[in-house]
Structure formats: C-alpha cells, structure tokens
Protein backbone atom coordinates (compact mmCIF):
# COMPACT_ATOMS: atom_id res chain seq x y z
CA GLU A 1 -59.37 67.31 152.10
CA ASP A 2 -57.47 65.17 154.61
CA TYR A 3 -59.52 62.31 156.15
CA THR A 4 -62.78 63.61 154.63
CA PHE A 5 -64.32 60.16 154.11
CA SER A 6 -62.07 58.00 156.28
CA ASP A 7 -63.87 55.12 158.03
CA CYS A 8 -66.97 55.47 155.83
CA TYR A 9 -67.31 51.70 155.91
CA GLY A 10 -70.43 51.54 153.71
CA LEU A 11 -69.07 53.67 150.87
CA ASN A 12 -69.25 51.93 147.47
CA PRO A 13 -68.91 52.85 144.67
CA LEU A 14 -66.78 55.98 144.39
CA ASN A 15 -67.11 58.26 141.35
CA ALA A 16 -64.58 61.09 141.37
CA LEU A 17 -64.72 62.82 138.00
CA GLU A 18 -62.94 66.19 138.18
CA ILE A 19 -60.77 66.13 141.29
CA SER A 20 -57.22 67.53 141.25
CA THR A 21 -56.18 66.63 144.81
CA ILE A 22 -57.10 63.85 147.23
CA GLY A 23 -55.81 64.60 150.72
CA GLU A 24 -54.05 62.46 153.28
CA GLY A 25 -56.19 59.54 154.45
CA ALA A 26 -59.18 60.92 152.55
CA PHE A 27 -60.67 57.44 151.95
CA ALA A 28 -58.69 55.44 154.49
CA ASP A 29 -60.42 52.33 155.86
CA CYS A 30 -63.40 52.50 153.51
CA VAL A 31 -63.53 48.75 153.89
CA ARG A 32 -66.36 48.05 151.42
CA LEU A 33 -64.96 50.07 148.53
CA LYS A 34 -64.56 47.61 145.64
CA GLU A 35 -62.91 49.72 142.93
CA ILE A 36 -60.61 52.74 143.09
CA THR A 37 -60.34 55.01 140.05
CA LEU A 38 -57.96 57.96 139.95
CA PRO A 39 -59.33 60.37 137.32
CA TYR A 40 -57.35 62.04 134.55
CA SER A 41 -57.53 65.41 136.33
CA LEU A 42 -55.76 64.19 139.49
CA THR A 43 -52.34 65.72 140.19
CA GLU A 44 -51.75 64.79 143.84
CA LEU A 45 -52.71 61.81 145.97
CA GLY A 46 -51.89 62.17 149.65
CA ASP A 47 -50.27 59.74 152.06
CA PHE A 48 -52.54 56.89 153.24
CA ALA A 49 -55.29 58.15 150.88
CA PHE A 50 -56.79 54.67 150.32
CA SER A 51 -54.99 52.71 153.00
CA GLY A 52 -56.99 49.94 154.61
CA CYS A 53 -59.49 49.61 151.75
CA ALA A 54 -59.39 45.88 152.27
CA SER A 55 -62.20 44.96 149.82
CA ALA A 56 -60.87 46.88 146.81
CA THR A 57 -60.03 44.50 143.97
CA THR A 58 -59.12 46.95 141.20
CA ILE A 59 -57.14 50.20 141.06
CA ASN A 60 -57.48 52.27 137.87
CA ILE A 61 -54.85 54.99 137.50
CA GLN A 62 -55.99 57.18 134.62
CA CYS A 63 -54.17 60.40 135.53
CA LYS A 64 -51.40 61.51 133.21
CA GLU A 65 -49.26 63.38 135.72
CA THR A 66 -49.68 62.81 139.42
CA SER A 67 -47.73 62.13 142.60
CA ILE A 68 -48.84 59.18 144.71
CA GLY A 69 -48.08 59.52 148.42
CA GLY A 70 -46.59 57.13 150.91
CA HIS A 71 -48.62 54.10 152.01
CA CYS A 72 -51.39 55.30 149.71
CA PHE A 73 -52.77 51.78 149.12
CA ASP A 74 -51.24 50.13 152.18
CA GLY A 75 -53.37 47.23 153.35
CA CYS A 76 -55.43 46.82 150.18
CA PHE A 77 -55.12 43.07 150.56
CA SER A 78 -57.77 42.09 147.98
CA VAL A 79 -56.38 43.99 144.98
CA THR A 80 -55.92 41.67 142.01
CA ASP A 81 -55.35 44.22 139.23
CA VAL A 82 -53.74 47.66 138.98
CA TYR A 83 -54.19 49.51 135.67
CA CYS A 84 -51.97 52.44 134.61
CA THR A 85 -53.42 53.52 131.28
CA THR A 86 -51.17 56.44 130.30
CA GLY A 87 -47.66 56.36 128.87
CA ILE A 88 -46.19 58.54 131.63
CA ILE A 89 -45.15 56.62 134.73
CA PRO A 90 -46.74 58.21 137.83
CA ASP A 91 -44.35 59.44 140.48
CA ALA A 92 -45.12 57.15 143.43
CA ASP A 93 -43.56 56.87 146.85
CA VAL A 94 -41.71 53.59 147.40
CA THR A 95 -44.25 52.64 150.09
CA ALA A 96 -47.33 53.45 148.00
CA PHE A 97 -48.28 49.79 147.46
CA SER A 98 -47.04 48.34 150.75
CA ASN A 99 -48.97 45.32 152.00
CA ILE A 100 -51.22 44.84 149.00
CA ASN A 101 -51.91 41.42 147.50
CA PRO A 102 -48.43 40.15 146.44
CA ASP A 103 -49.95 38.52 143.34
CA ALA A 104 -51.67 41.68 142.09
CA VAL A 105 -51.09 42.18 138.36
CA LEU A 106 -49.89 45.55 137.06
CA HIS A 107 -51.30 46.35 133.60
CA VAL A 108 -49.43 49.04 131.63
CA PRO A 109 -49.07 50.24 128.01
CA ALA A 110 -46.81 47.94 126.01
CA ASP A 111 -44.45 50.69 124.87
CA VAL A 112 -43.41 51.59 128.45
CA ILE A 113 -43.52 48.18 130.11
CA GLU A 114 -39.73 47.99 130.45
CA GLU A 115 -39.67 51.38 132.16
CA TYR A 116 -42.19 50.13 134.73
CA ARG A 117 -40.06 47.02 135.28
CA SER A 118 -37.06 49.20 136.18
CA THR A 119 -38.78 51.99 138.18
CA ALA A 120 -39.65 51.75 141.89
CA PRO A 121 -42.13 51.00 143.31
CA TRP A 122 -43.70 49.64 140.11
CA CYS A 123 -40.87 47.16 139.60
CA ASN A 124 -41.86 45.47 142.88
CA PHE A 125 -44.97 43.99 141.26
CA LYS A 126 -44.36 40.30 140.63
CA HIS A 127 -46.51 40.34 137.49
CA ILE A 128 -46.34 43.25 135.01
CA VAL A 129 -48.19 42.73 131.73
CA ALA A 130 -48.97 44.82 128.67
CA ILE A 131 -52.55 46.04 128.32
CA GLY A 132 -54.25 43.94 125.67
CA GLN A 133 -51.83 41.05 126.21
CA GLU A 134 -53.12 39.88 129.59
CA GLU A 135 -52.78 36.36 130.88
CA ASP A 136 -55.23 33.61 130.00
CA THR A 137 -57.26 31.46 132.37
CA GLU A 138 -58.04 27.84 131.75
CA TYR A 139 -59.44 24.76 133.49
CA ILE A 140 -57.19 21.69 133.40
CA SER A 141 -58.42 18.55 135.17
CA SER A 142 -60.99 20.52 137.20
CA ILE A 143 -58.43 23.13 138.32
CA GLN A 144 -58.62 26.69 136.99
CA TYR A 145 -55.32 28.54 136.55
CA VAL A 146 -54.21 32.04 135.72
CA PHE A 147 -51.06 31.91 133.59
CA TYR A 148 -48.30 34.52 133.62
CA PRO A 149 -46.28 34.21 130.40
CA GLU A 150 -43.57 36.66 131.47
CA ASP A 151 -42.15 34.30 134.10
CA HIS A 152 -43.98 31.06 133.21
CA THR A 153 -45.77 30.74 136.54
CA ALA A 154 -49.38 29.85 137.25
CA THR A 155 -51.82 30.55 140.09
CA VAL A 156 -54.68 28.23 141.06
CA VAL A 157 -57.88 30.32 141.23
CA ASP A 158 -60.56 27.63 141.43
CA VAL A 159 -60.84 23.91 142.17
CA VAL A 160 -63.88 21.84 141.23
CA VAL A 161 -64.06 18.58 143.20
CA GLN A 162 -66.56 16.19 141.61
CA ASN A 163 -67.01 12.47 142.29
CA THR A 164 -63.81 12.36 144.35
CA ASP A 165 -62.63 13.29 147.83
CA LYS A 166 -59.04 13.93 146.70
CA ILE A 167 -57.30 16.74 144.85
CA VAL A 168 -53.72 16.94 143.60
CA ILE A 169 -52.12 20.34 142.99
CA PRO A 170 -49.47 19.72 140.32
CA GLY A 171 -46.04 21.30 140.33
CA THR A 172 -46.25 22.17 136.63
CA VAL A 173 -48.88 22.33 133.89
CA GLN A 174 -48.43 22.41 130.14
CA VAL A 175 -50.40 24.76 127.87
CA GLU A 176 -49.72 24.90 124.13
CA ASN A 177 -46.28 23.33 124.53
CA GLU A 178 -45.35 25.82 127.27
CA ILE A 179 -44.53 24.64 130.81
CA TYR A 180 -45.85 26.75 133.70
CA HIS A 181 -44.74 26.31 137.32
CA VAL A 182 -47.66 26.29 139.76
CA THR A 183 -46.58 28.60 142.59
CA THR A 184 -49.70 29.94 144.31
CA LEU A 185 -53.13 28.92 145.59
CA GLU A 186 -55.42 31.93 145.58
CA GLU A 187 -57.64 32.80 148.53
CA LYS A 188 -60.63 30.50 149.22
CA VAL A 189 -60.15 28.22 146.18
CA CYS A 190 -61.48 25.21 148.13
CA TYR A 191 -63.57 27.11 150.66
CA ARG A 192 -66.27 24.97 152.33
CA ASN A 193 -65.68 21.89 150.23
CA LEU A 194 -67.35 19.42 152.57
CA ASP A 195 -66.38 16.29 150.58
CA LEU A 196 -62.65 16.93 150.51
CA LYS A 197 -60.60 14.44 152.56
CA HIS A 198 -57.20 14.22 150.91
CA ILE A 199 -54.95 16.98 149.51
CA GLU A 200 -51.64 16.40 147.76
CA PHE A 201 -49.14 19.06 146.69
CA GLU A 202 -46.42 18.36 144.19
CA GLU A 203 -43.08 20.11 144.61
CA GLY A 204 -42.88 23.77 143.64
CA LEU A 205 -45.75 25.44 145.49
CA ILE A 206 -44.60 28.67 147.17
CA GLU A 207 -47.69 30.31 148.64
CA ILE A 208 -51.07 29.25 150.04
CA GLN A 209 -53.22 32.33 150.60
CA ASN A 210 -55.86 33.04 153.24
CA ARG A 211 -58.67 30.56 153.91
CA VAL A 212 -57.85 28.30 150.96
CA PHE A 213 -59.17 25.21 152.79
CA SER A 214 -61.31 26.93 155.40
CA ASP A 215 -64.34 24.89 156.55
CA CYS A 216 -63.42 21.83 154.54
C-alpha cells in the first residue's frame, strides 16, 4: 500500500516475487536499497514509489504489462543500468525517471530498440543498447573507459595513477579503428588520490560528476 516502507533506510535487498501493485511512495527514500526489481506479476507502480532511493544502481523491469507512475524513480542518482527485459514497452509517466543519473544505460530487447528510442520517457535516456550487445570496457594508458557504440562516446570510469603525479584526460580514444569522444568523468574516478598534482583535460569533455577529485 501507499508509503508502506517509505524511509526504511536500512532496507536491502528487496525481494518482491508475486506483487501486482506497489502503491504511491511505497519504498520512497529507502536510501540503502541497491537493486530494484519489478516482478513479472506487477501491473501498477504508483507515483514516487522508489523516489529518493539514492543508492540504487540497477533497475530491473521484468513485468510484461504495467503502468509506471510519475516521479517513480525520481532522485535515484546512482542508477547506472535500467533493464527492460520484455518486448512490450511499459507505459511510463514522462516524469518517471526524473533526476536519475544522466548517464544511466537503458538495456532493451534488440527487436524493439527503435520503439524505445522514439517513445517517451524511454527516449530521454542518452544511452539505449540492445541486451546482449552491451558496451565494452577497456583500460587505455591507465584509464578505464566505458564505450557507447551507438553515438561513439566514452565515459571515464577509473584512473590508475602510477609513478606519476599527472594525468591527461584525452578528448578522443581509438579502439579497433573506431574513434570515441570522451565526454564524461564518472563519480569518484580519482577519489583520494594523494599523489595527484596536475590534471589536464583535452577539448571535448562535457561532464565531471560528483566528487571526481575529492580529497586529492
């Protein structure tokens, strides 16, 4: 029912096997919840149902036919991956994914990927990839990237500084004859690197996320 488990800050994990309805704000502000799974049986997800679940990194939408309410995942800042595993696009309010991580990747079946790319709010995801054809990660010169083939961009997800006090974030990297534009530094990639003294950014970087160089 509405707000049943809201503000249960220690709740993790959540296993909801045979639920048909999750009420308004039912799990709002469960700040330690790491993974959200909407079971196959779910038909209705209320407004603000998982809003403020700031530690959640993955959302698994397994339900075949459901309606997702307004601001349902609002403020889920840590989400990196959203999986929709069925071929029917869930009916979601345009505000359902407001204020989540802007670099979250939406994973969908390959045969309906174009429908997701043209249907709101799903089309607002910057990265939409087919399940089974997800992006690769790779270290190049001590920097780990996630590559997004659909728009040829790359995100820096880790930096290893060894035997130097300087790092250079390149504007582009080349992988298998493909050029990727480096646009984003993910949260905390250089967190607490006590040896770092000099940072250089080549042209093209768009976003530096929270606490990237905190406590350097």
